[in-house]
Protein backbone atom coordinates (compact mmCIF):
# COMPACT_ATOMS: atom_id res chain seq x y z
CA MET A 1 -23.56 9.96 -17.32
CA LEU A 2 -24.11 6.38 -18.50
CA ARG A 3 -21.50 5.11 -16.03
CA THR A 4 -23.21 7.03 -13.21
CA LEU A 5 -26.52 5.37 -14.06
CA ARG A 6 -24.91 1.92 -14.15
CA ASN A 7 -23.19 2.53 -10.81
CA THR A 8 -26.43 3.77 -9.26
CA ARG A 9 -28.33 0.71 -10.49
CA ARG A 10 -25.72 -1.67 -9.06
CA LEU A 11 -25.69 0.16 -5.73
CA LEU A 12 -29.49 0.04 -5.50
CA HIS A 13 -29.37 -3.72 -6.10
CA ALA A 14 -26.77 -4.09 -3.37
CA ALA A 15 -28.84 -1.92 -1.01
CA ARG A 16 -31.86 -4.14 -1.58
CA VAL A 17 -29.88 -7.33 -0.86
CA LEU A 18 -28.37 -5.78 2.28
CA ALA A 19 -31.83 -4.66 3.40
CA GLN A 20 -33.28 -8.14 2.84
CA HIS A 21 -30.65 -9.48 5.24
CA ASP A 22 -31.38 -6.64 7.71
CA ALA A 23 -27.80 -5.42 7.22
CA LEU A 24 -28.37 -2.02 5.58
CA VAL A 25 -30.04 -0.31 8.57
CA PRO A 26 -29.92 -3.07 11.21
CA ARG A 27 -32.72 -3.20 13.74
CA GLU A 28 -30.16 -2.73 16.54
CA TYR A 29 -29.54 0.82 15.28
CA LEU A 30 -33.14 1.88 14.60
CA ALA A 31 -33.61 3.73 17.90
CA GLY A 32 -33.47 7.44 17.22
CA MET A 33 -33.42 7.02 13.44
CA PRO A 34 -35.55 9.49 11.43
CA PHE A 35 -38.97 8.34 10.20
CA SER A 36 -37.73 8.56 6.60
CA VAL A 37 -35.09 5.91 7.32
CA ARG A 38 -37.73 3.57 8.71
CA VAL A 39 -39.86 4.08 5.59
CA MET A 40 -36.87 3.41 3.32
CA ARG A 41 -36.13 0.26 5.30
CA ARG A 42 -39.66 -1.01 4.62
CA ILE A 43 -39.59 -0.06 0.93
CA LEU A 44 -36.34 -1.97 0.37
CA GLY A 45 -37.86 -5.06 1.95
CA THR A 46 -35.90 -5.37 5.18
CA ARG A 47 -36.46 -8.77 6.71
CA ASP A 48 -37.50 -8.78 10.37
CA ALA A 49 -38.43 -12.45 10.27
CA THR A 50 -37.48 -14.98 12.90
CA ASP A 51 -34.76 -16.48 10.70
CA THR A 52 -32.54 -13.47 11.41
CA GLU A 53 -33.44 -12.86 15.05
CA ALA A 54 -30.67 -15.06 16.43
CA LEU A 55 -27.99 -13.56 14.17
CA SER A 56 -25.89 -10.55 15.12
CA ALA A 57 -25.66 -7.52 12.85
CA GLY A 58 -22.13 -8.54 11.83
CA ILE A 59 -23.12 -12.08 10.84
CA ARG A 60 -26.10 -10.76 8.84
CA LEU A 61 -23.77 -8.37 7.03
CA ALA A 62 -21.29 -11.18 6.29
CA ARG A 63 -24.05 -13.34 4.79
CA ALA A 64 -25.34 -10.46 2.67
CA LEU A 65 -21.87 -9.75 1.31
CA GLU A 66 -21.37 -13.44 0.50
CA SER A 67 -24.60 -13.45 -1.52
CA LEU A 68 -23.57 -10.33 -3.46
CA GLY A 69 -20.48 -12.00 -4.91
CA PRO A 70 -16.68 -11.76 -5.13
CA ALA A 71 -16.16 -7.99 -4.97
CA TYR A 72 -18.39 -7.66 -1.91
CA ILE A 73 -16.61 -10.55 -0.19
CA LYS A 74 -13.30 -8.74 -0.74
CA LEU A 75 -14.85 -5.49 0.51
CA GLY A 76 -15.91 -7.31 3.67
CA GLN A 77 -12.39 -8.66 4.16
CA VAL A 78 -10.98 -5.13 3.87
CA LEU A 79 -13.61 -3.73 6.25
CA ALA A 80 -12.65 -6.43 8.76
CA THR A 81 -9.35 -4.56 9.15
CA ARG A 82 -11.14 -1.25 9.88
CA PRO A 83 -12.99 -1.53 13.22
CA ASP A 84 -12.86 2.27 13.33
CA LEU A 85 -15.32 2.26 10.42
CA ILE A 86 -17.70 -0.51 11.38
CA GLY A 87 -17.10 -1.29 15.06
CA ASP A 88 -15.25 -4.10 16.80
CA ASP A 89 -18.10 -6.63 16.83
CA VAL A 90 -18.92 -6.26 13.14
CA ALA A 91 -15.23 -6.37 12.18
CA LEU A 92 -14.83 -9.62 14.13
CA ALA A 93 -17.87 -11.12 12.39
CA LEU A 94 -16.53 -10.19 8.95
CA GLU A 95 -13.36 -12.15 9.64
CA SER A 96 -15.53 -15.27 9.26
CA LEU A 97 -16.54 -14.41 5.68
CA GLN A 98 -16.65 -17.64 3.68
CA ASP A 99 -14.90 -17.14 0.35
CA ARG A 100 -16.06 -20.49 -1.07
CA LEU A 101 -18.09 -21.09 -4.22
CA PRO A 102 -18.98 -24.15 -6.31
CA PRO A 103 -16.15 -24.96 -8.76
CA PHE A 104 -16.50 -24.40 -12.49
CA PRO A 105 -16.14 -27.56 -14.67
CA THR A 106 -12.74 -29.17 -15.16
CA ASP A 107 -13.11 -28.97 -18.96
CA VAL A 108 -13.52 -25.18 -18.64
CA ALA A 109 -10.47 -25.08 -16.37
CA LYS A 110 -8.36 -26.93 -18.94
CA ALA A 111 -9.52 -24.55 -21.66
CA GLN A 112 -8.55 -21.59 -19.47
CA VAL A 113 -5.07 -23.08 -18.93
CA GLU A 114 -4.54 -23.59 -22.67
CA LEU A 115 -5.75 -20.06 -23.41
CA ALA A 116 -3.49 -18.52 -20.75
CA LEU A 117 -0.33 -20.54 -21.45
CA ARG A 118 -0.88 -21.07 -25.21
CA LYS A 119 -0.07 -24.76 -25.08
CA PRO A 120 -2.18 -27.92 -25.01
CA VAL A 121 -2.83 -29.16 -21.49
CA THR A 122 -1.40 -32.58 -22.38
CA GLU A 123 1.89 -30.97 -23.37
CA MET A 124 2.22 -29.44 -19.88
CA PHE A 125 0.45 -31.97 -17.65
CA GLU A 126 0.24 -35.74 -17.93
CA ALA A 127 -2.59 -35.74 -15.36
CA PHE A 128 -5.06 -32.99 -14.47
CA GLY A 129 -7.64 -33.66 -11.73
CA ASP A 130 -10.84 -31.97 -10.65
CA ALA A 131 -10.85 -28.87 -8.44
CA VAL A 132 -9.79 -29.43 -4.83
CA ALA A 133 -10.71 -25.90 -3.67
CA ALA A 134 -12.83 -23.12 -5.18
CA ALA A 135 -13.15 -19.47 -4.11
CA SER A 136 -14.64 -16.30 -5.59
CA ILE A 137 -11.59 -15.41 -7.68
CA ALA A 138 -9.96 -18.73 -8.55
CA GLN A 139 -9.91 -22.47 -7.97
CA VAL A 140 -7.12 -25.00 -7.51
CA HIS A 141 -6.55 -28.34 -9.26
CA GLU A 142 -4.07 -31.10 -8.50
CA ALA A 143 -1.99 -32.07 -11.54
CA ARG A 144 1.17 -33.92 -12.55
CA THR A 145 3.70 -32.38 -14.92
CA THR A 146 4.58 -34.00 -18.22
CA GLY A 147 8.11 -35.39 -18.26
CA GLU A 148 9.18 -34.88 -14.66
CA GLY A 149 5.98 -36.28 -13.19
CA ARG A 150 5.98 -33.71 -10.36
CA ARG A 151 2.79 -33.18 -8.37
CA VAL A 152 1.72 -29.55 -8.62
CA ALA A 153 -1.14 -27.27 -7.63
CA VAL A 154 -2.63 -25.31 -10.55
CA LYS A 155 -4.55 -22.16 -9.64
CA ILE A 156 -6.90 -20.78 -12.33
CA LEU A 157 -8.92 -17.55 -12.38
CA ARG A 158 -12.68 -17.84 -12.84
CA PRO A 159 -13.84 -16.93 -16.37
CA GLY A 160 -15.18 -13.35 -16.50
CA VAL A 161 -14.11 -12.49 -12.96
CA GLU A 162 -12.15 -9.41 -14.09
CA GLN A 163 -15.22 -7.78 -15.68
CA GLN A 164 -17.38 -8.50 -12.64
CA PHE A 165 -14.84 -6.91 -10.31
CA ALA A 166 -14.39 -3.90 -12.60
CA GLU A 167 -18.12 -3.13 -12.53
CA ASP A 168 -18.52 -3.54 -8.77
CA LEU A 169 -15.35 -1.60 -7.94
CA SER A 170 -16.53 1.26 -10.14
CA ALA A 171 -19.75 1.36 -8.11
CA PHE A 172 -17.77 1.29 -4.84
CA ALA A 173 -15.58 4.20 -5.97
CA PHE A 174 -18.66 6.20 -7.01
CA ALA A 175 -20.33 5.63 -3.62
CA ALA A 176 -17.15 6.53 -1.70
CA GLY A 177 -16.68 9.73 -3.69
CA VAL A 178 -20.28 10.81 -3.01
CA ALA A 179 -19.90 9.98 0.68
CA GLU A 180 -16.73 12.07 1.09
CA ARG A 181 -18.28 14.95 -0.84
CA PHE A 182 -21.24 15.26 1.51
CA SER A 183 -19.99 13.80 4.81
CA ALA A 184 -17.19 15.19 6.99
CA GLU A 185 -17.13 11.89 8.89
CA ALA A 186 -16.58 9.98 5.64
CA ARG A 187 -13.68 12.30 4.83
CA ARG A 188 -12.18 11.75 8.27
CA LEU A 189 -12.43 7.98 7.87
CA ARG A 190 -10.95 8.22 4.35
CA VAL A 191 -13.46 5.88 2.73
CA VAL A 192 -12.06 6.69 -0.71
CA THR A 193 -8.68 5.43 0.52
CA VAL A 194 -10.36 2.21 1.70
CA ILE A 195 -11.80 1.62 -1.78
CA ASP A 196 -8.49 2.54 -3.42
CA ARG A 197 -6.77 -0.02 -1.25
CA LEU A 198 -9.38 -2.64 -2.17
CA THR A 199 -8.94 -1.85 -5.88
CA THR A 200 -5.16 -2.19 -5.64
CA SER A 201 -5.46 -5.45 -3.71
CA VAL A 202 -7.88 -6.92 -6.24
CA ALA A 203 -5.72 -5.86 -9.19
CA LEU A 204 -2.83 -7.79 -7.66
CA GLU A 205 -4.99 -10.84 -6.92
CA LEU A 206 -6.31 -10.89 -10.49
CA ASP A 207 -2.80 -11.20 -11.90
CA LEU A 208 -1.50 -14.56 -10.75
CA ARG A 209 2.01 -13.61 -11.85
CA MET A 210 2.00 -11.15 -8.95
CA GLU A 211 0.98 -13.89 -6.53
CA ALA A 212 3.72 -16.11 -7.95
CA ALA A 213 6.22 -13.27 -7.48
CA ALA A 214 5.06 -12.81 -3.87
CA ALA A 215 5.55 -16.53 -3.20
CA SER A 216 8.98 -16.41 -4.81
CA GLU A 217 10.02 -13.38 -2.73
CA LEU A 218 8.80 -14.92 0.52
CA ARG A 219 10.54 -18.20 -0.34
CA GLU A 220 13.80 -16.34 -0.97
CA ASN A 221 13.49 -14.36 2.28
CA THR A 222 12.85 -17.50 4.33
CA ARG A 223 15.22 -19.94 2.64
CA ALA A 224 17.34 -20.20 5.80
CA ASP A 225 14.37 -20.44 8.20
CA GLU A 226 14.39 -23.90 9.81
CA ASP A 227 10.71 -24.08 10.79
CA PHE A 228 9.01 -22.50 7.79
CA ARG A 229 8.93 -22.98 4.05
CA VAL A 230 7.12 -21.81 0.91
CA PRO A 231 6.21 -23.96 -2.13
CA GLU A 232 8.39 -23.45 -5.20
CA VAL A 233 6.73 -21.71 -8.16
CA ASP A 234 6.76 -23.42 -11.58
CA TRP A 235 7.35 -20.36 -13.74
CA ASP A 236 7.16 -22.36 -17.00
CA ARG A 237 3.50 -23.13 -16.23
CA THR A 238 2.55 -19.75 -14.75
CA GLY A 239 0.92 -16.77 -16.47
CA GLU A 240 -1.46 -13.90 -15.80
CA ARG A 241 -4.48 -16.20 -15.26
CA VAL A 242 -2.74 -19.43 -14.21
CA MET A 243 -0.24 -20.15 -11.43
CA THR A 244 1.47 -23.49 -10.90
CA ALA A 245 3.42 -24.36 -7.76
CA GLU A 246 4.78 -27.33 -5.86
CA TRP A 247 2.08 -29.55 -4.36
CA ILE A 248 2.06 -29.60 -0.56
CA ASP A 249 1.43 -32.81 1.35
CA GLY A 250 0.76 -31.81 4.92
CA ILE A 251 -1.62 -31.71 7.85
CA THR A 252 -3.79 -28.64 8.25
CA VAL A 253 -3.11 -26.67 11.42
CA ARG A 254 -6.82 -26.82 12.24
CA ASP A 255 -6.29 -30.44 13.35
CA PRO A 256 -3.98 -30.50 16.41
CA ALA A 257 -4.86 -34.15 17.13
CA ALA A 258 -3.64 -35.27 13.70
CA ILE A 259 -0.50 -33.19 14.12
CA ALA A 260 0.24 -34.82 17.46
CA ALA A 261 -0.51 -38.29 16.03
CA ALA A 262 2.09 -37.64 13.31
CA GLY A 263 4.70 -37.07 16.01
CA HIS A 264 4.77 -33.25 16.01
CA ASP A 265 4.24 -30.98 19.02
CA PRO A 266 1.26 -28.62 18.49
CA ARG A 267 2.52 -26.32 21.28
CA ARG A 268 5.86 -25.85 19.51
CA LEU A 269 4.03 -25.11 16.26
CA ALA A 270 1.91 -22.46 18.01
CA ILE A 271 5.14 -20.65 18.88
CA VAL A 272 6.41 -21.12 15.32
CA VAL A 273 3.27 -19.49 13.88
CA ILE A 274 3.68 -16.29 15.89
CA ARG A 275 7.47 -16.05 15.70
CA THR A 276 7.40 -16.70 11.95
CA PHE A 277 4.87 -13.95 11.37
CA LEU A 278 6.68 -11.41 13.57
CA THR A 279 10.07 -12.29 12.07
CA HIS A 280 8.82 -11.79 8.53
CA ALA A 281 7.13 -8.50 9.43
CA LEU A 282 10.05 -7.00 11.38
CA ARG A 283 13.09 -8.57 9.71
CA ASP A 284 11.90 -8.51 6.09
CA GLY A 285 9.04 -6.01 6.08
CA PHE A 286 7.11 -8.54 3.94
CA PHE A 287 4.64 -11.01 5.42
CA HIS A 288 1.82 -13.39 4.56
CA ALA A 289 -1.31 -11.38 5.39
CA ASP A 290 -3.83 -14.22 5.11
CA MET A 291 -2.55 -16.71 7.71
CA HIS A 292 -5.83 -18.47 8.44
CA GLN A 293 -5.99 -22.19 9.12
CA GLY A 294 -6.81 -23.13 5.54
CA ASN A 295 -3.52 -21.63 4.32
CA LEU A 296 -1.15 -23.28 6.83
CA PHE A 297 0.04 -26.88 6.88
CA VAL A 298 2.61 -28.98 8.73
CA ASP A 299 4.87 -31.10 6.52
CA VAL A 300 6.44 -34.46 7.34
CA GLU A 301 9.50 -32.75 8.84
CA GLY A 302 7.37 -30.67 11.22
CA ARG A 303 7.82 -27.40 9.34
CA LEU A 304 5.08 -24.82 8.90
CA VAL A 305 4.17 -24.48 5.20
CA ALA A 306 2.16 -21.53 3.86
CA VAL A 307 0.07 -21.44 0.66
CA ASP A 308 -2.07 -18.81 -1.12
CA PHE A 309 -0.08 -15.59 -1.48
CA GLY A 310 -2.79 -13.34 -2.93
CA ILE A 311 -2.82 -11.06 0.13
CA MET A 312 0.60 -9.93 1.34
CA GLY A 313 1.64 -7.12 3.67
CA ARG A 314 4.59 -4.77 3.62
CA LEU A 315 6.02 -2.57 6.35
CA SER A 316 8.43 0.25 5.55
CA PRO A 317 11.62 0.46 7.66
CA GLU A 318 10.07 3.36 9.60
CA MET A 319 6.89 1.40 10.33
CA ARG A 320 8.90 -1.66 11.39
CA ARG A 321 10.89 0.41 13.85
CA PHE A 322 7.75 2.10 15.14
CA LEU A 323 6.03 -1.25 15.61
CA ALA A 324 9.01 -2.88 17.31
CA GLU A 325 9.56 0.04 19.68
CA THR A 326 5.85 0.13 20.52
CA LEU A 327 5.68 -3.61 21.25
CA ASN A 328 8.93 -3.47 23.20
CA GLY A 329 7.60 -0.58 25.27
CA PHE A 330 4.44 -2.52 26.12
CA LEU A 331 6.45 -5.67 26.88
CA ASN A 332 8.45 -3.65 29.41
CA ARG A 333 5.42 -1.63 30.54
CA ASP A 334 7.28 1.56 29.63
CA TYR A 335 4.26 3.63 28.59
CA LEU A 336 6.11 6.92 28.47
CA ARG A 337 8.50 5.40 25.94
CA VAL A 338 5.59 4.17 23.80
CA ALA A 339 4.10 7.66 23.91
CA GLN A 340 7.44 9.22 22.96
CA VAL A 341 7.72 6.89 19.95
CA HIS A 342 4.34 8.10 18.68
CA TYR A 343 5.47 11.70 19.05
CA ASP A 344 8.89 11.05 17.47
CA PHE A 345 7.28 9.56 14.37
CA GLY A 346 4.82 12.45 14.12
CA PHE A 347 1.79 10.18 14.51
CA VAL A 348 0.33 12.14 17.44
CA PRO A 349 0.31 15.96 17.36
CA ARG A 350 2.39 17.59 20.09
CA THR A 351 -0.64 19.67 21.05
CA HIS A 352 -1.56 16.71 23.28
CA PRO A 353 0.49 16.48 26.51
CA ILE A 354 2.73 13.44 26.35
CA ALA A 355 1.98 12.56 29.98
CA THR A 356 -1.75 12.41 29.22
CA PHE A 357 -1.13 10.18 26.21
CA ALA A 358 1.12 7.90 28.29
CA GLN A 359 -1.66 7.68 30.88
CA ALA A 360 -4.08 6.54 28.16
CA LEU A 361 -1.55 3.89 27.07
CA ARG A 362 -1.24 2.66 30.63
CA ALA A 363 -5.01 2.19 30.70
CA ILE A 364 -4.56 -0.20 27.74
CA GLY A 365 -1.53 -2.12 28.97
CA GLU A 366 -2.11 -2.68 32.65
CA PRO A 367 -5.37 -4.67 32.37
CA ILE A 368 -3.71 -6.97 29.82
CA PHE A 369 -0.77 -7.77 32.07
CA GLY A 370 -3.16 -8.56 34.87
CA ARG A 371 -4.69 -11.44 32.90
CA THR A 372 -3.66 -15.03 32.35
CA ALA A 373 -1.64 -15.96 29.29
CA ARG A 374 -4.76 -17.51 27.78
CA ASP A 375 -6.60 -14.17 27.85
CA MET A 376 -3.77 -11.94 26.65
CA SER A 377 -3.90 -10.88 23.01
CA MET A 378 -1.36 -8.79 21.14
CA GLY A 379 -3.84 -8.23 18.31
CA ARG A 380 -6.38 -6.85 20.76
CA LEU A 381 -3.72 -4.67 22.33
CA LEU A 382 -2.88 -3.15 18.94
CA GLN A 383 -6.56 -2.68 18.19
CA GLN A 384 -7.09 -0.83 21.48
CA LEU A 385 -3.95 1.17 20.80
CA PHE A 386 -5.24 2.35 17.42
CA ASP A 387 -8.66 3.14 18.91
CA THR A 388 -6.96 5.25 21.59
CA THR A 389 -4.59 7.03 19.23
CA ARG A 390 -7.53 8.09 17.07
CA ARG A 391 -8.82 10.02 20.07
CA PHE A 392 -5.46 11.76 20.08
CA ASP A 393 -5.80 12.66 16.36
CA MET A 394 -3.50 9.95 15.00
CA ALA A 395 -4.16 9.40 11.28
CA VAL A 396 -5.01 5.90 10.10
CA GLN A 397 -1.92 3.85 9.13
CA PRO A 398 -3.10 1.19 6.61
CA GLN A 399 0.16 -0.80 6.87
CA LEU A 400 -0.33 -1.22 10.61
CA LEU A 401 -4.02 -2.05 10.32
CA LEU A 402 -3.28 -4.96 7.97
CA MET A 403 -0.51 -6.12 10.27
CA GLN A 404 -2.82 -5.97 13.30
CA LYS A 405 -5.54 -7.92 11.48
CA THR A 406 -3.03 -10.59 10.48
CA MET A 407 -1.72 -10.74 14.03
CA MET A 408 -5.21 -11.50 15.33
CA VAL A 409 -5.68 -14.30 12.76
CA ALA A 410 -2.26 -15.78 13.59
CA GLU A 411 -3.10 -15.62 17.31
CA GLY A 412 -6.30 -17.57 16.61
CA VAL A 413 -4.30 -20.25 14.79
CA ALA A 414 -1.78 -20.46 17.64
CA ARG A 415 -4.52 -20.86 20.24
CA THR A 416 -6.10 -23.63 18.15
CA LEU A 417 -2.80 -25.47 18.46
CA ASP A 418 -2.31 -24.58 22.13
CA PRO A 419 -5.26 -23.18 24.14
CA GLU A 420 -2.85 -22.03 26.88
CA PHE A 421 -0.59 -20.22 24.41
CA ASP A 422 1.31 -17.22 25.85
CA ILE A 423 1.77 -14.82 22.96
CA TRP A 424 3.90 -12.41 24.98
CA ALA A 425 6.46 -15.04 25.92
CA ALA A 426 6.56 -16.25 22.31
CA SER A 427 6.95 -12.75 20.88
CA ARG A 428 9.51 -11.27 23.27
CA PRO A 429 12.66 -12.93 21.78
CA VAL A 430 11.75 -11.81 18.23
CA VAL A 431 10.98 -8.22 19.23
CA GLU A 432 14.04 -7.87 21.47
CA ARG A 433 16.37 -9.41 18.88
CA TRP A 434 15.09 -7.02 16.23
CA MET A 435 15.49 -4.08 18.62
CA VAL A 436 19.14 -4.99 19.28
CA GLN A 437 19.86 -5.43 15.57
CA SER A 438 18.02 -2.31 14.44
CA VAL A 439 18.33 0.31 17.18
CA GLY A 440 21.13 -1.04 19.37
CA PRO A 441 24.79 0.01 19.39
CA GLU A 442 25.68 -2.08 16.32
CA ALA A 443 22.84 -0.55 14.36
CA ARG A 444 23.91 2.95 15.36
CA LEU A 445 27.47 2.24 14.21
CA ARG A 446 26.10 0.89 10.92
CA ASP A 447 23.92 3.98 10.43
CA ALA A 448 26.90 6.21 11.22
CA ALA A 449 29.03 4.38 8.65
CA GLU A 450 26.31 4.81 6.02
CA GLY A 451 26.10 8.50 6.92
CA LEU A 452 29.85 8.93 6.52
CA GLU A 453 29.72 7.19 3.16
CA ALA A 454 26.98 9.54 1.98
CA LEU A 455 28.97 12.52 3.27
CA SER A 456 32.05 11.26 1.39
CA ARG A 457 30.06 11.06 -1.85
CA ALA A 458 28.80 14.61 -1.33
CA ALA A 459 32.34 15.87 -0.60
CA GLN A 460 33.50 14.56 -3.97
CA HIS A 461 31.21 17.09 -5.64
CA LEU A 462 32.23 20.01 -3.39
CA PRO A 463 34.94 21.43 -5.76
CA ARG A 464 32.41 21.70 -8.56
CA LEU A 465 29.91 23.37 -6.22
CA VAL A 466 32.57 25.86 -5.19
CA ARG A 467 33.41 26.67 -8.83
CA ASP A 468 29.73 27.11 -9.65
CA ALA A 469 29.26 29.35 -6.61
CA GLU A 470 32.26 31.49 -7.67
CA ALA A 471 30.78 31.85 -11.14
CA VAL A 472 27.43 32.92 -9.71
CA SER A 473 29.07 35.42 -7.35
CA GLN A 474 31.08 36.89 -10.27
CA MET A 475 27.90 37.34 -12.31
CA LEU A 476 26.19 39.01 -9.36
CA ALA A 477 29.18 41.36 -8.88
CA GLU A 478 29.01 42.38 -12.56
CA GLY A 479 25.42 43.50 -12.43
CA GLY A 480 23.36 40.47 -11.68
CA LEU A 481 21.96 37.52 -13.57
CA ARG A 482 19.64 38.40 -16.47
CA LEU A 483 17.16 35.97 -18.03
CA HIS A 484 15.16 36.36 -21.25
CA PRO A 485 11.44 37.08 -20.62
CA ASP A 486 10.41 33.86 -22.44
CA THR A 487 12.71 31.91 -20.14
CA MET A 488 11.15 33.55 -17.11
CA ARG A 489 7.64 32.65 -18.34
CA HIS A 490 8.75 29.07 -18.93
CA PHE A 491 10.19 28.86 -15.42
CA ALA A 492 6.95 30.22 -13.99
CA ASP A 493 4.87 27.59 -15.83
CA VAL A 494 7.15 24.84 -14.65
CA GLN A 495 6.97 26.02 -11.06
CA ILE A 496 3.16 26.08 -11.18
CA ARG A 497 3.06 22.54 -12.50
CA ARG A 498 5.54 21.40 -9.85
CA ALA A 499 3.99 23.16 -6.89
CA LYS A 500 3.68 19.90 -5.03
CA HIS A 501 7.47 19.68 -4.93
CA ILE A 502 7.91 23.16 -3.46
CA ARG A 503 9.50 21.89 -0.25
CA VAL A 504 12.21 20.12 -2.20
CA ALA A 505 12.82 23.25 -4.27
CA ILE A 506 13.16 25.38 -1.14
CA TRP A 507 15.61 22.88 0.36
CA ILE A 508 17.75 22.93 -2.80
CA ALA A 509 17.70 26.72 -2.93
CA ALA A 510 18.70 26.95 0.70
CA ALA A 511 21.60 24.56 0.12
CA ALA A 512 22.78 26.60 -2.87
CA LEU A 513 22.67 29.84 -0.88
CA ALA A 514 24.60 28.20 1.95
CA VAL A 515 27.38 27.15 -0.42
CA LEU A 516 27.44 30.62 -1.98
CA ALA A 517 27.70 32.28 1.42
CA PHE A 518 30.50 29.90 2.40
CA VAL A 519 32.48 30.80 -0.72
CA LEU A 520 31.97 34.56 -0.33
CA VAL A 521 33.15 34.43 3.27
CA LEU A 522 36.37 32.68 2.25
CA ARG A 523 37.13 35.01 -0.68
CA PRO A 524 40.26 37.16 -0.03
């Protein structure tokens, strides 16, 4: 009860702040609203002043979320990946959320480092500068290690940030639960899942060891990549609230003129950005999901260098194949193939005629291919695809939504480097190479070999299965198999508790009966 009251109070405060920014019930949506909503809007203090007249509903929402603090900024970043929830225009506006705050004092930062790593700062660092960047969760300092004298970046969580997130996330979960209880539309949009995803993402970001592990994994995956690299983590100076990594000297990708002046080709780097992202997503199933301009640099050798690994994306092998086949189908304008892929993966119910679905896909693809390279966007294509598939009852796929959002950000970076960038020409070699490696003849031979190996392992256990089947058949011939009543009750309790695994149980039972039948048929 006390938690419910606390959550309600925090939500009312948030509602008032949103209303003051005209972002709770925006004026654009007032037409047709009940009188009670208009009254509530006035009571909460909605601002209709001239200082908001020139701002869109999405920008007003972004500013309100920024003023509410870290958890609301992260909520806005998650909502930016869900245009189905908030609309395309608002989602685009939320991508501009500014996650920047004034830094906390350097003395406090040093104290946090000593508390986290249990050593004096001077024992670990011979120099420790002021913050060079500060966000809602953490800030970064430049330092130099004691002994080796290496320049490093030290990332430190803000004091008390965990408690602040815990309180706000509890309020979010409460609101989502209430919404799904009373709204069928909220249940369809799976708002509880959205909040669960936000909670999981924040939990990972609040443990800097997880970010360090993500950087380490991406560095290992890309060690052989010629045009991309990841800073090396200093594990001796990394803990739950502090992460230390190699310092990066480079030029930000937001400055094409400086890149060109340093002797590097911005147009080549635009291609590198997209091909790097697609390669990591398709080849490794693990990609940097926050590839905005502030996180990408060009080093002295002309390589793309990524920093800040708090938000990462993963694609399962099935999702990678689905994505590659979908993109390949659009690249070749084979809309029936794209439709078939959706049906094969069970994403679209077969109650919808495949020809009708293919027709809807053609309506997405053809206008894109009629445009200039400058106007063609793979991120927009995926967004339109997901909007269309929802009309054909396709369930939301969070992995793909994060990938699509990252694709749009990476496209924006590429076009900053080269305004005439052709994303389709840049993407085609990566997609086609992955298709050959994963679904071509070599891949089929590899899958067949793995299948034969699995069959061989199963065959090794066949004699035992036969003996067990003979024993069961003998018991059945002698009057059946009898179990003690207590054993039967125990089995019943277990089955009730394991009802969610009933399909597996049925499969096992069917396999056992098949073996038994096989043995009985062969008996003399």
